[in-house]
Amino acid sequence: MAAVLALAGCGEGSNNGDSPQSNKVAAKGGQSVPGGKPKAKAKAKAKAKARARARSRARQRTRARRAKKRRARKVIRLAARTSGDVNCGDFSNQAQAQKRLARGDPYGLDGDGDGRACTSLPCPCSSAKPKKGNGPVTAALPKAEKFRAQVESVTDGDTLVLGTASGREVKVRLIGIDTPEVYGGVECGGRAASAAMGRIATGSVTVRTDPTQDRIDRYGRLLAYVNKGPVDLGRAMIARGFASTYVYDRVFLRYPAYNRSEKAAKSSDRGSWDHCDLSPG
């Protein structure tokens, strides 16, 4: 009986001895869990906020880039609708003109080069501040040159000889088009292109250079667009099927309109497309 009581006492003492230690471990574990979880949650929340701010900044940058591209596309579309010739008379107020002030001022809207377009127009006005210097803030290109001239002769489907008001003779190679050759061997459609240009290039015309292109080619010809009234002669040649769109080195300002005209003429087998391949090269 005594032995049984002794064993029972040992077992009880052993349990009592283990309990404090187990309680300490449990207590220690219990203290770390409640204190650790809030810290982990706070860190996770901070990281989530940082990621959200980064995504917001990225979206803002993307929207700004898209808005800039939209403005550029609007300028190109406006140029296409007006055969590339835009002036201050096309706008009802200065703010509208300011939105169309493209790089290099190819339309001559900023006469004094201070970065503000058509300042003679009534308000509402742009909030853009005048800039010091020799041109607009974005003017990394020379301004387009524009002048009136008389057609003296037609060299071929894409080259004219013009006479200026000062009596100077200027040989002009039209920007953005290519026609079959008639010199050094007559190509298919060459004579038709020369004849077509002779029919539309007469009398007084307006000549305008393109600041995205070279001013003079390797043959000494002025590179320019030529308009007779509202008609862009280069685009008219393409639309009638006597010329193809031609890009040399860099895309020119009127390319969208020219390219659309070529697709329409080619798909309809208009002009020389009916029996010739007018593709450049």
C-alpha atoms as a PDB file:
ATOM      1  CA  MET A   1       0.000   0.000   0.000  1.00  0.00           C
ATOM      2  CA  ALA A   2       2.838   2.358   0.916  1.00  0.00           C
ATOM      3  CA  ALA A   3       4.576   1.540  -2.338  1.00  0.00           C
ATOM      4  CA  VAL A   4       1.471   2.444  -4.299  1.00  0.00           C
ATOM      5  CA  LEU A   5       1.169   5.764  -2.479  1.00  0.00           C
ATOM      6  CA  ALA A   6       4.845   6.507  -3.122  1.00  0.00           C
ATOM      7  CA  LEU A   7       4.500   5.882  -6.804  1.00  0.00           C
ATOM      8  CA  ALA A   8       1.403   8.030  -6.921  1.00  0.00           C
ATOM      9  CA  GLY A   9       3.276  10.787  -5.143  1.00  0.00           C
ATOM     10  CA  CYS A  10       6.148  10.635  -7.605  1.00  0.00           C
ATOM     11  CA  GLY A  11       3.781  10.792 -10.524  1.00  0.00           C
ATOM     12  CA  GLU A  12       1.997  13.766  -9.055  1.00  0.00           C
ATOM     13  CA  GLY A  13       5.185  15.586  -8.325  1.00  0.00           C
ATOM     14  CA  SER A  14       6.412  14.959 -11.832  1.00  0.00           C
ATOM     15  CA  ASN A  15       3.255  16.443 -13.255  1.00  0.00           C
ATOM     16  CA  ASN A  16       3.504  19.441 -10.996  1.00  0.00           C
ATOM     17  CA  GLY A  17       7.094  19.921 -12.040  1.00  0.00           C
ATOM     18  CA  ASP A  18       6.313  19.875 -15.707  1.00  0.00           C
ATOM     19  CA  SER A  19       3.356  22.179 -15.550  1.00  0.00           C
ATOM     20  CA  PRO A  20       5.198  25.441 -14.801  1.00  0.00           C
ATOM     21  CA  GLN A  21       7.652  24.859 -17.623  1.00  0.00           C
ATOM     22  CA  SER A  22       4.885  24.010 -20.022  1.00  0.00           C
ATOM     23  CA  ASN A  23       2.952  27.012 -18.849  1.00  0.00           C
ATOM     24  CA  LYS A  24       6.004  29.231 -19.433  1.00  0.00           C
ATOM     25  CA  VAL A  25       6.414  27.945 -22.963  1.00  0.00           C
ATOM     26  CA  ALA A  26       2.729  28.355 -23.646  1.00  0.00           C
ATOM     27  CA  ALA A  27       2.798  31.786 -22.099  1.00  0.00           C
ATOM     28  CA  LYS A  28       5.855  32.747 -24.094  1.00  0.00           C
ATOM     29  CA  GLY A  29       4.259  31.475 -27.306  1.00  0.00           C
ATOM     30  CA  GLY A  30       1.051  33.226 -26.439  1.00  0.00           C
ATOM     31  CA  GLN A  31       2.859  36.540 -26.015  1.00  0.00           C
ATOM     32  CA  SER A  32       4.723  36.329 -29.371  1.00  0.00           C
ATOM     33  CA  VAL A  33       1.689  35.500 -31.494  1.00  0.00           C
ATOM     34  CA  PRO A  34      -0.536  38.379 -30.413  1.00  0.00           C
ATOM     35  CA  GLY A  35       2.366  40.862 -30.742  1.00  0.00           C
ATOM     36  CA  GLY A  36       3.688  39.506 -34.102  1.00  0.00           C
ATOM     37  CA  LYS A  37       0.512  39.362 -36.122  1.00  0.00           C
ATOM     38  CA  PRO A  38      -0.292  43.105 -35.978  1.00  0.00           C
ATOM     39  CA  LYS A  39       3.268  43.981 -37.056  1.00  0.00           C
ATOM     40  CA  ALA A  40       3.070  41.593 -40.014  1.00  0.00           C
ATOM     41  CA  LYS A  41      -0.293  43.007 -41.003  1.00  0.00           C
ATOM     42  CA  ALA A  42       1.031  46.571 -40.809  1.00  0.00           C
ATOM     43  CA  LYS A  43       4.003  45.701 -43.018  1.00  0.00           C
ATOM     44  CA  ALA A  44       1.755  43.976 -45.557  1.00  0.00           C
ATOM     45  CA  LYS A  45      -0.590  46.966 -45.583  1.00  0.00           C
ATOM     46  CA  ALA A  46       2.325  49.383 -46.113  1.00  0.00           C
ATOM     47  CA  LYS A  47       3.644  47.293 -49.005  1.00  0.00           C
ATOM     48  CA  ALA A  48       0.191  47.166 -50.571  1.00  0.00           C
ATOM     49  CA  LYS A  49      -0.110  50.962 -50.310  1.00  0.00           C
ATOM     50  CA  ALA A  50       3.332  51.406 -51.883  1.00  0.00           C
ATOM     51  CA  ARG A  51       2.390  49.112 -54.757  1.00  0.00           C
ATOM     52  CA  ALA A  52      -0.878  50.982 -55.234  1.00  0.00           C
ATOM     53  CA  ARG A  53       0.974  54.333 -55.360  1.00  0.00           C
ATOM     54  CA  ALA A  54       3.462  52.938 -57.887  1.00  0.00           C
ATOM     55  CA  ARG A  55       0.631  51.639 -60.066  1.00  0.00           C
ATOM     56  CA  SER A  56      -1.125  55.005 -59.839  1.00  0.00           C
ATOM     57  CA  ARG A  57       2.033  56.868 -60.906  1.00  0.00           C
ATOM     58  CA  ALA A  58       2.542  54.417 -63.776  1.00  0.00           C
ATOM     59  CA  ARG A  59      -1.056  54.942 -64.921  1.00  0.00           C
ATOM     60  CA  GLN A  60      -0.589  58.724 -64.791  1.00  0.00           C
ATOM     61  CA  ARG A  61       2.562  58.495 -66.919  1.00  0.00           C
ATOM     62  CA  THR A  62       0.786  56.223 -69.395  1.00  0.00           C
ATOM     63  CA  ARG A  63      -2.167  58.613 -69.637  1.00  0.00           C
ATOM     64  CA  ALA A  64       0.191  61.537 -70.202  1.00  0.00           C
ATOM     65  CA  ARG A  65       1.990  59.679 -73.018  1.00  0.00           C
ATOM     66  CA  ARG A  66      -1.297  58.704 -74.620  1.00  0.00           C
ATOM     67  CA  ALA A  67      -2.596  62.269 -74.394  1.00  0.00           C
ATOM     68  CA  LYS A  68       0.573  63.522 -76.079  1.00  0.00           C
ATOM     69  CA  LYS A  69       0.166  60.964 -78.866  1.00  0.00           C
ATOM     70  CA  ARG A  70      -3.492  61.919 -79.289  1.00  0.00           C
ATOM     71  CA  ARG A  71      -2.525  65.579 -79.674  1.00  0.00           C
ATOM     72  CA  ALA A  72       0.058  64.647 -82.296  1.00  0.00           C
ATOM     73  CA  ARG A  73      -2.476  62.528 -84.186  1.00  0.00           C
ATOM     74  CA  LYS A  74      -4.947  65.426 -84.139  1.00  0.00           C
ATOM     75  CA  VAL A  75      -2.347  67.665 -85.754  1.00  0.00           C
ATOM     76  CA  ILE A  76      -1.707  65.056 -88.470  1.00  0.00           C
ATOM     77  CA  ARG A  77      -5.428  64.561 -89.103  1.00  0.00           C
ATOM     78  CA  LEU A  78      -5.964  68.302 -89.329  1.00  0.00           C
ATOM     79  CA  ALA A  79      -3.075  68.545 -91.781  1.00  0.00           C
ATOM     80  CA  ALA A  80      -4.550  65.740 -93.867  1.00  0.00           C
ATOM     81  CA  ARG A  81      -7.989  67.348 -93.996  1.00  0.00           C
ATOM     82  CA  THR A  82      -6.546  70.664 -95.102  1.00  0.00           C
ATOM     83  CA  SER A  83      -3.942  69.180 -97.494  1.00  0.00           C
ATOM     84  CA  GLY A  84      -1.341  69.930 -94.847  1.00  0.00           C
ATOM     85  CA  ASP A  85      -1.748  73.710 -94.966  1.00  0.00           C
ATOM     86  CA  VAL A  86      -3.008  75.152 -91.679  1.00  0.00           C
ATOM     87  CA  ASN A  87      -3.030  78.853 -90.832  1.00  0.00           C
ATOM     88  CA  CYS A  88      -4.348  81.130 -88.099  1.00  0.00           C
ATOM     89  CA  GLY A  89      -7.546  81.769 -90.049  1.00  0.00           C
ATOM     90  CA  ASP A  90      -8.558  78.146 -89.457  1.00  0.00           C
ATOM     91  CA  PHE A  91      -9.094  78.801 -85.727  1.00  0.00           C
ATOM     92  CA  SER A  92     -11.663  80.873 -83.855  1.00  0.00           C
ATOM     93  CA  ASN A  93      -9.454  81.626 -80.840  1.00  0.00           C
ATOM     94  CA  GLN A  94      -5.851  81.491 -79.678  1.00  0.00           C
ATOM     95  CA  ALA A  95      -6.337  78.449 -77.445  1.00  0.00           C
ATOM     96  CA  GLN A  96      -7.412  76.330 -80.415  1.00  0.00           C
ATOM     97  CA  ALA A  97      -4.400  77.435 -82.438  1.00  0.00           C
ATOM     98  CA  GLN A  98      -2.064  76.686 -79.526  1.00  0.00           C
ATOM     99  CA  LYS A  99      -3.231  73.056 -79.489  1.00  0.00           C
ATOM    100  CA  ARG A 100      -2.132  72.724 -83.131  1.00  0.00           C
ATOM    101  CA  LEU A 101       1.345  74.165 -82.587  1.00  0.00           C
ATOM    102  CA  ALA A 102       3.408  71.182 -83.755  1.00  0.00           C
ATOM    103  CA  ARG A 103       7.124  70.539 -83.419  1.00  0.00           C
ATOM    104  CA  GLY A 104       9.111  72.891 -85.601  1.00  0.00           C
ATOM    105  CA  ASP A 105       5.973  74.946 -86.312  1.00  0.00           C
ATOM    106  CA  PRO A 106       5.496  73.465 -89.818  1.00  0.00           C
ATOM    107  CA  TYR A 107       2.332  75.529 -90.368  1.00  0.00           C
ATOM    108  CA  GLY A 108       3.852  78.895 -89.466  1.00  0.00           C
ATOM    109  CA  LEU A 109       1.481  79.555 -86.539  1.00  0.00           C
ATOM    110  CA  ASP A 110       4.189  81.030 -84.289  1.00  0.00           C
ATOM    111  CA  GLY A 111       5.472  83.993 -86.248  1.00  0.00           C
ATOM    112  CA  ASP A 112       7.775  85.418 -83.580  1.00  0.00           C
ATOM    113  CA  GLY A 113       9.019  82.076 -82.270  1.00  0.00           C
ATOM    114  CA  ASP A 114       7.982  82.664 -78.659  1.00  0.00           C
ATOM    115  CA  GLY A 115       6.106  79.377 -78.290  1.00  0.00           C
ATOM    116  CA  ARG A 116       2.623  80.950 -78.579  1.00  0.00           C
ATOM    117  CA  ALA A 117       0.544  80.380 -81.720  1.00  0.00           C
ATOM    118  CA  CYS A 118      -1.576  83.026 -83.477  1.00  0.00           C
ATOM    119  CA  THR A 119      -1.397  85.659 -80.720  1.00  0.00           C
ATOM    120  CA  SER A 120      -3.532  88.016 -82.818  1.00  0.00           C
ATOM    121  CA  LEU A 121      -6.578  85.766 -82.348  1.00  0.00           C
ATOM    122  CA  PRO A 122      -9.140  86.587 -79.624  1.00  0.00           C
ATOM    123  CA  CYS A 123      -9.348  84.700 -76.330  1.00  0.00           C
ATOM    124  CA  PRO A 124      -9.991  82.238 -74.759  1.00  0.00           C
ATOM    125  CA  CYS A 125      -6.214  82.028 -74.796  1.00  0.00           C
ATOM    126  CA  SER A 126      -3.712  79.375 -73.913  1.00  0.00           C
ATOM    127  CA  SER A 127      -1.994  79.496 -70.539  1.00  0.00           C
ATOM    128  CA  ALA A 128       1.348  78.800 -72.219  1.00  0.00           C
ATOM    129  CA  LYS A 129       3.874  81.459 -71.249  1.00  0.00           C
ATOM    130  CA  PRO A 130       6.026  83.163 -73.896  1.00  0.00           C
ATOM    131  CA  LYS A 131       9.512  81.665 -74.051  1.00  0.00           C
ATOM    132  CA  LYS A 132      12.779  83.465 -74.612  1.00  0.00           C
ATOM    133  CA  GLY A 133      15.024  82.327 -77.393  1.00  0.00           C
ATOM    134  CA  ASN A 134      14.960  81.864 -81.134  1.00  0.00           C
ATOM    135  CA  GLY A 135      11.876  79.681 -81.320  1.00  0.00           C
ATOM    136  CA  PRO A 136       9.253  77.644 -79.517  1.00  0.00           C
ATOM    137  CA  VAL A 137      10.240  75.266 -76.767  1.00  0.00           C
ATOM    138  CA  THR A 138       9.649  72.297 -79.060  1.00  0.00           C
ATOM    139  CA  ALA A 139      11.306  73.847 -82.106  1.00  0.00           C
ATOM    140  CA  ALA A 140      14.159  71.485 -82.883  1.00  0.00           C
ATOM    141  CA  LEU A 141      13.438  71.849 -86.592  1.00  0.00           C
ATOM    142  CA  PRO A 142      13.567  74.828 -88.937  1.00  0.00           C
ATOM    143  CA  LYS A 143      10.273  76.474 -89.820  1.00  0.00           C
ATOM    144  CA  ALA A 144       8.519  75.586 -93.030  1.00  0.00           C
ATOM    145  CA  GLU A 145       9.118  77.970 -95.911  1.00  0.00           C
ATOM    146  CA  LYS A 146       6.079  79.078 -97.864  1.00  0.00           C
ATOM    147  CA  PHE A 147       5.894  81.243-100.980  1.00  0.00           C
ATOM    148  CA  ARG A 148       3.857  81.852-104.113  1.00  0.00           C
ATOM    149  CA  ALA A 149       5.174  81.036-107.567  1.00  0.00           C
ATOM    150  CA  GLN A 150       4.171  80.559-111.187  1.00  0.00           C
ATOM    151  CA  VAL A 151       4.526  77.261-113.020  1.00  0.00           C
ATOM    152  CA  GLU A 152       7.083  77.718-115.799  1.00  0.00           C
ATOM    153  CA  SER A 153       7.277  74.112-117.023  1.00  0.00           C
ATOM    154  CA  VAL A 154       6.702  70.479-116.081  1.00  0.00           C
ATOM    155  CA  THR A 155       9.866  68.358-116.081  1.00  0.00           C
ATOM    156  CA  ASP A 156       8.090  65.070-115.377  1.00  0.00           C
ATOM    157  CA  GLY A 157       5.375  63.694-113.120  1.00  0.00           C
ATOM    158  CA  ASP A 158       7.054  64.744-109.861  1.00  0.00           C
ATOM    159  CA  THR A 159       9.248  67.717-110.791  1.00  0.00           C
ATOM    160  CA  LEU A 160       8.304  71.293-111.739  1.00  0.00           C
ATOM    161  CA  VAL A 161      10.133  74.447-112.730  1.00  0.00           C
ATOM    162  CA  LEU A 162       8.637  77.490-110.984  1.00  0.00           C
ATOM    163  CA  GLY A 163       9.205  81.215-111.219  1.00  0.00           C
ATOM    164  CA  THR A 164       9.118  83.325-108.047  1.00  0.00           C
ATOM    165  CA  ALA A 165       7.932  86.924-107.660  1.00  0.00           C
ATOM    166  CA  SER A 166      11.558  88.076-107.593  1.00  0.00           C
ATOM    167  CA  GLY A 167      12.163  86.520-110.998  1.00  0.00           C
ATOM    168  CA  ARG A 168      14.150  83.585-109.638  1.00  0.00           C
ATOM    169  CA  GLU A 169      13.654  80.179-111.263  1.00  0.00           C
ATOM    170  CA  VAL A 170      13.284  77.251-108.857  1.00  0.00           C
ATOM    171  CA  LYS A 171      13.270  73.560-109.690  1.00  0.00           C
ATOM    172  CA  VAL A 172      10.961  71.750-107.254  1.00  0.00           C
ATOM    173  CA  ARG A 173      10.845  68.024-106.561  1.00  0.00           C
ATOM    174  CA  LEU A 174       7.493  67.220-104.942  1.00  0.00           C
ATOM    175  CA  ILE A 175       7.754  65.616-101.507  1.00  0.00           C
ATOM    176  CA  GLY A 176       6.095  62.273-100.920  1.00  0.00           C
ATOM    177  CA  ILE A 177       5.441  61.043-104.462  1.00  0.00           C
ATOM    178  CA  ASP A 178       7.281  59.056-107.087  1.00  0.00           C
ATOM    179  CA  THR A 179       6.376  58.696-110.772  1.00  0.00           C
ATOM    180  CA  PRO A 180       7.823  56.469-113.503  1.00  0.00           C
ATOM    181  CA  GLU A 181      10.872  57.833-115.306  1.00  0.00           C
ATOM    182  CA  VAL A 182      10.820  59.445-118.742  1.00  0.00           C
ATOM    183  CA  TYR A 183      14.555  60.206-118.916  1.00  0.00           C
ATOM    184  CA  GLY A 184      17.232  57.570-119.328  1.00  0.00           C
ATOM    185  CA  GLY A 185      14.622  55.092-120.480  1.00  0.00           C
ATOM    186  CA  VAL A 186      10.857  55.475-120.434  1.00  0.00           C
ATOM    187  CA  GLU A 187       9.121  53.402-117.765  1.00  0.00           C
ATOM    188  CA  CYS A 188       5.541  52.175-117.823  1.00  0.00           C
ATOM    189  CA  GLY A 189       3.281  55.080-116.924  1.00  0.00           C
ATOM    190  CA  GLY A 190       6.026  57.710-117.247  1.00  0.00           C
ATOM    191  CA  ARG A 191       4.552  59.705-120.124  1.00  0.00           C
ATOM    192  CA  ALA A 192       1.044  59.456-118.640  1.00  0.00           C
ATOM    193  CA  ALA A 193       2.338  60.870-115.353  1.00  0.00           C
ATOM    194  CA  SER A 194       4.069  63.802-117.079  1.00  0.00           C
ATOM    195  CA  ALA A 195       0.922  64.551-119.065  1.00  0.00           C
ATOM    196  CA  ALA A 196      -1.254  64.373-115.939  1.00  0.00           C
ATOM    197  CA  MET A 197       1.010  66.776-114.066  1.00  0.00           C
ATOM    198  CA  GLY A 198       0.950  69.132-117.051  1.00  0.00           C
ATOM    199  CA  ARG A 199      -2.850  69.267-116.874  1.00  0.00           C
ATOM    200  CA  ILE A 200      -3.054  70.199-113.178  1.00  0.00           C
ATOM    201  CA  ALA A 201       0.138  72.223-112.646  1.00  0.00           C
ATOM    202  CA  THR A 202      -0.664  75.557-114.285  1.00  0.00           C
ATOM    203  CA  GLY A 203      -0.650  79.202-113.302  1.00  0.00           C
ATOM    204  CA  SER A 204      -0.134  80.389-109.745  1.00  0.00           C
ATOM    205  CA  VAL A 205       0.736  77.844-107.048  1.00  0.00           C
ATOM    206  CA  THR A 206       1.724  77.798-103.377  1.00  0.00           C
ATOM    207  CA  VAL A 207       4.976  76.122-102.401  1.00  0.00           C
ATOM    208  CA  ARG A 208       5.643  74.844 -98.868  1.00  0.00           C
ATOM    209  CA  THR A 209       8.635  72.966 -97.521  1.00  0.00           C
ATOM    210  CA  ASP A 210       8.417  70.277 -94.846  1.00  0.00           C
ATOM    211  CA  PRO A 211      10.598  70.720 -91.726  1.00  0.00           C
ATOM    212  CA  THR A 212      10.795  66.943 -91.283  1.00  0.00           C
ATOM    213  CA  GLN A 213      12.525  66.580 -94.659  1.00  0.00           C
ATOM    214  CA  ASP A 214      15.701  67.857 -96.267  1.00  0.00           C
ATOM    215  CA  ARG A 215      15.275  71.205 -97.977  1.00  0.00           C
ATOM    216  CA  ILE A 216      17.422  70.460-101.033  1.00  0.00           C
ATOM    217  CA  ASP A 217      18.050  67.067-102.643  1.00  0.00           C
ATOM    218  CA  ARG A 218      21.341  65.833-104.117  1.00  0.00           C
ATOM    219  CA  TYR A 219      20.399  67.263-107.527  1.00  0.00           C
ATOM    220  CA  GLY A 220      19.931  70.766-106.136  1.00  0.00           C
ATOM    221  CA  ARG A 221      16.134  70.710-106.329  1.00  0.00           C
ATOM    222  CA  LEU A 222      13.937  72.257-103.672  1.00  0.00           C
ATOM    223  CA  LEU A 223      11.915  69.588-101.864  1.00  0.00           C
ATOM    224  CA  ALA A 224       8.406  70.880-101.238  1.00  0.00           C
ATOM    225  CA  TYR A 225       4.657  70.430-101.503  1.00  0.00           C
ATOM    226  CA  VAL A 226       2.919  72.363-104.271  1.00  0.00           C
ATOM    227  CA  ASN A 227      -0.727  73.410-103.994  1.00  0.00           C
ATOM    228  CA  LYS A 228      -2.929  74.983-106.615  1.00  0.00           C
ATOM    229  CA  GLY A 229      -5.589  76.610-104.472  1.00  0.00           C
ATOM    230  CA  PRO A 230      -6.838  73.916-102.094  1.00  0.00           C
ATOM    231  CA  VAL A 231      -5.534  71.074-104.307  1.00  0.00           C
ATOM    232  CA  ASP A 232      -2.312  69.361-103.266  1.00  0.00           C
ATOM    233  CA  LEU A 233      -0.758  68.447-106.607  1.00  0.00           C
ATOM    234  CA  GLY A 234       1.231  65.532-105.181  1.00  0.00           C
ATOM    235  CA  ARG A 235      -1.787  63.969-103.544  1.00  0.00           C
ATOM    236  CA  ALA A 236      -3.859  64.601-106.669  1.00  0.00           C
ATOM    237  CA  MET A 237      -1.329  62.657-108.767  1.00  0.00           C
ATOM    238  CA  ILE A 238      -1.542  59.743-106.336  1.00  0.00           C
ATOM    239  CA  ALA A 239      -5.350  59.841-106.159  1.00  0.00           C
ATOM    240  CA  ARG A 240      -5.612  59.765-109.962  1.00  0.00           C
ATOM    241  CA  GLY A 241      -3.335  56.744-110.202  1.00  0.00           C
ATOM    242  CA  PHE A 242      -0.290  58.348-111.831  1.00  0.00           C
ATOM    243  CA  ALA A 243       2.074  58.362-108.830  1.00  0.00           C
ATOM    244  CA  SER A 244       2.852  56.318-105.733  1.00  0.00           C
ATOM    245  CA  THR A 245       3.596  57.421-102.191  1.00  0.00           C
ATOM    246  CA  TYR A 246       7.332  57.738-101.610  1.00  0.00           C
ATOM    247  CA  VAL A 247       9.122  57.957 -98.247  1.00  0.00           C
ATOM    248  CA  TYR A 248      12.795  58.840 -98.240  1.00  0.00           C
ATOM    249  CA  ASP A 249      14.650  58.481 -94.935  1.00  0.00           C
ATOM    250  CA  ARG A 250      11.857  59.940 -92.725  1.00  0.00           C
ATOM    251  CA  VAL A 251       8.054  59.938 -92.924  1.00  0.00           C
ATOM    252  CA  PHE A 252       6.758  63.301 -94.160  1.00  0.00           C
ATOM    253  CA  LEU A 253       3.925  65.307 -92.596  1.00  0.00           C
ATOM    254  CA  ARG A 254       1.307  64.581 -95.244  1.00  0.00           C
ATOM    255  CA  TYR A 255       1.999  60.845 -95.369  1.00  0.00           C
ATOM    256  CA  PRO A 256      -1.339  59.680 -93.832  1.00  0.00           C
ATOM    257  CA  ALA A 257      -3.407  61.429 -96.507  1.00  0.00           C
ATOM    258  CA  TYR A 258      -1.085  60.341 -99.326  1.00  0.00           C
ATOM    259  CA  ASN A 259      -1.108  56.734 -98.168  1.00  0.00           C
ATOM    260  CA  ARG A 260      -4.917  56.627 -98.056  1.00  0.00           C
ATOM    261  CA  SER A 261      -5.115  58.054-101.572  1.00  0.00           C
ATOM    262  CA  GLU A 262      -2.675  55.468-102.902  1.00  0.00           C
ATOM    263  CA  LYS A 263      -4.597  52.552-101.364  1.00  0.00           C
ATOM    264  CA  ALA A 264      -7.841  53.783-102.928  1.00  0.00           C
ATOM    265  CA  ALA A 265      -6.277  54.311-106.369  1.00  0.00           C
ATOM    266  CA  LYS A 266      -4.429  50.989-106.347  1.00  0.00           C
ATOM    267  CA  SER A 267      -7.453  48.958-105.229  1.00  0.00           C
ATOM    268  CA  SER A 268      -9.540  50.549-108.015  1.00  0.00           C
ATOM    269  CA  ASP A 269      -6.849  50.108-110.713  1.00  0.00           C
ATOM    270  CA  ARG A 270      -7.099  53.839-111.325  1.00  0.00           C
ATOM    271  CA  GLY A 271      -4.896  55.566-113.892  1.00  0.00           C
ATOM    272  CA  SER A 272      -1.659  53.717-114.638  1.00  0.00           C
ATOM    273  CA  TRP A 273      -2.280  51.129-111.923  1.00  0.00           C
ATOM    274  CA  ASP A 274      -4.529  49.448-114.509  1.00  0.00           C
ATOM    275  CA  HIS A 275      -1.503  48.245-116.489  1.00  0.00           C
ATOM    276  CA  CYS A 276       1.635  49.337-114.567  1.00  0.00           C
ATOM    277  CA  ASP A 277       3.217  48.658-111.222  1.00  0.00           C
ATOM    278  CA  LEU A 278       3.907  52.147-109.857  1.00  0.00           C
ATOM    279  CA  SER A 279       5.521  50.949-106.630  1.00  0.00           C
ATOM    280  CA  PRO A 280       8.784  52.848-105.911  1.00  0.00           C
ATOM    281  CA  GLY A 281      12.044  51.060-106.569  1.00  0.00           C
END
